[in-house]
Amino acid sequence: MQQHATPKLTQAQNDARLLLHKIAGSAVGLDLEMPIATGEMRRRIYLDSTASTLRLGVVQDVLDRYQPYYANTHSTVHFGARLSTEEYRWAHDMVLDFVNADRTNYTAFFVGSGATGGMNRVAATLARRMPERDVVITSIMEHHSNDLPHRKHFKTVVHAPPENGSTSMGCVCIKAIERALEAHKGRVAYVSVTGVSNVTGIINPVHEIAALAHAHGALMVVDAAQMVAHVPIRMNGNADPAEDIDVVVFSGHKIYAPGSPGVVVARRELFQGLEPVEVGGGMVDDVWLDRYTPTAALPDREEAGTPNITGAIGLGAALYALHKIGMDVVEEDEAALMRLALQRLCALPGIALYGDCDMERYPRAGAISFNVRGMHHALTAAILNDYYNIAVRNQCFCAHPYVREMVTEALAAADEALTAAELEALAEMQRGMVRASFGIYTTEADIDTLAKALEDISGNRDRYEALYTQLPNGDFQHKTFSFEPRQFFSVRDSVDGWLERA
C-alpha cells in the first residue's frame, strides 16, 4: 500500500493547535469525579455540549477579574460604569468580527432566552417589515426555536425535507427549497435553516441556500446555535455576494460561556425604522406623558432594560479566545474527531446511527445520535451515566418531527415486514434517541470509552435491564444505586457554610 506523508504543519498552525489544546484543557468541570454504580469514583466524560458547553477557564478568569469593577451600563459618569459600558460595547464588536459581519452594514444585539429569544425577535420584526410576504421556508431538521416563532408570526411555514443519502437522511434538500420558493413566488419573506443539526451534526450548505433565497427576493436567516462553536461563519464578504447571510442567531451557552445571552446579528436596515418589539429603559431618546421616541441607534433600540452585562463580557471572552485560534483550526480538529467517532460506532453491530454517515458527502460537526437496538433510549443514557459517568442526552432534543422521521426510517430498514400502521405505532412508542455531542475539550480517549461502553451495553442488555425500573416520566432508575445532588452541591448549604465561616 502506498504511504502518504502527513502534511507538515507550519509554525503558525502548530502554535494555533497548542493554544487550542491549552484553552480546551482549561474547561471548568472537565476533571470532575463522581461515584458510579460499581462503587468507584470515575472522571466525568462530558458528551452533552450540544445542550450546553462547559465554561472555558479563560472565560471564568475574565469574569473573576471583571467582577470587582461591575456596574450598570448606559453611563460613563463613574469609573465602574465607564469600564462596564466600554467592555459591553466591545462584546458587540467581537460578535461582529467573529461571524465576519462588517460593522457598517450589520448590527449585533443581545437578547434573553438564548437563540430562542433571538429567533422570536427576528420573526416578529421581519413579519412587520415585509407584511406582503407571508411565507417562511424552513426544514424538517429544525429545533423548535427555528420553527415555532415562524409559525406564530407568518401565515404559512414550509418544511423542506432532507436529502436521501446512501444510508439515511442527509442535509436539507436544496431542490425542495427551490421548489418551495417557486411555488410561493413573491410571498417568501425568508428562508431559515439550521447551520448544523442539533440532532445529527449534519452541516447544511447555508451559502448555497442564501443564493437561492436572494434570487427570489427572500432573505436568508441562519440558526447558528449549533454552528457557531464548530465551524467558521462568514456573513458577508463571500466571493459571490448573493451567498451573504442576512441574519444569524446563536447563544453564548453553546460556545463555552454559560450564563451568556442570546445573540442576533442582522443587516441594520432590517431593524431600523420599526417600533422595537420590546420597550423600556435604554431604548428611547425621550419620553413624555403621552408619547415616547425610540432611539434610532443600534443596538440600543433592541436592548431595552438592564442588559446581561456579565454574560455578554463572558461571551466576548470566549469568542475572542477562539478567534485568536481560528475557527478553521477548530473545524479541522473536530472533523477528524467526528470521523473517528462515526468509524467506531458504525463498527458496533448492536448500534443504530441516525443521519447519513458519509462525511465526504454530508460533513458533520458536534453531535452523533444513536440507539442501542431493542433498548429504550432513556435506559441507554442512564446506564452510560451510572456505570461510566458519560454524560449524554436523550429523547427528541426539541426536534420532534426530525427525530420521528429518522426513527421511523430506521425501524422500517430493520424490519421490512412491518405494516405502515405497525411502523407508525412502534415509532411513536420508541420515539427518541441518545445523543453524544462534542466540544473542543472532547478527546479520542473519550470516543474510545463511549464505544467500549456501548459495546458492553449492547452485549449485556438483559443484565442491565434487570437492574432498572422505568419511572412514570419515562426515565429509568437504578434499583440499588442513587445519586443525591445535595451531597455534592446545594445553594442553601453553600450559603449556610459561608455564613458560618464569615
Foldseek 3Di string as FASTA:
>chain_A
DDDDDDDDDDPLLVVLVVLLQVQLVQFPQQQDWDAFPVRDIAGFAEQALLVFNTATNLLVVVLVVLVVLDDFEPDDPDPSNVVLPVLLVVLFVLVCVQQAHDPVFKGKDFDAPALLRVLLQLLQLLCVVCVQAQEEEEALLDFVSQPVSSVVRGDYYHHAYFDQDPQAGFAGDLVSLLVVCVVRQPRYAEYEYEQARSEAQWGHPQLVSQLSQVVRVYAYEYACQVPSQAAGHHQAPDPDRSSHHAKYKYGLRSQNQPPATIMIMGGLVSPAPDQRPDAAPQQFPDDDPVDTHGDRDPPRNNDHDTDSSSRSSSSSSSSVSCVSSPSVSRNVVQQVVLLLLLVLQVPQPQKAWFYDSPCVVTNGAWKTWIDRPPDAQQLLQVCCCNPPSYHWDKAQNSSQSVQLVRLLVVVCVVDVPDDPVRSNVVSVVRRMTIMGTDHSNRDSVSSVSVSVSSNVCSVPVVVSVVQWDADPVGHIDGPPDDDDVVVPDDPVVVVVVVVVVD
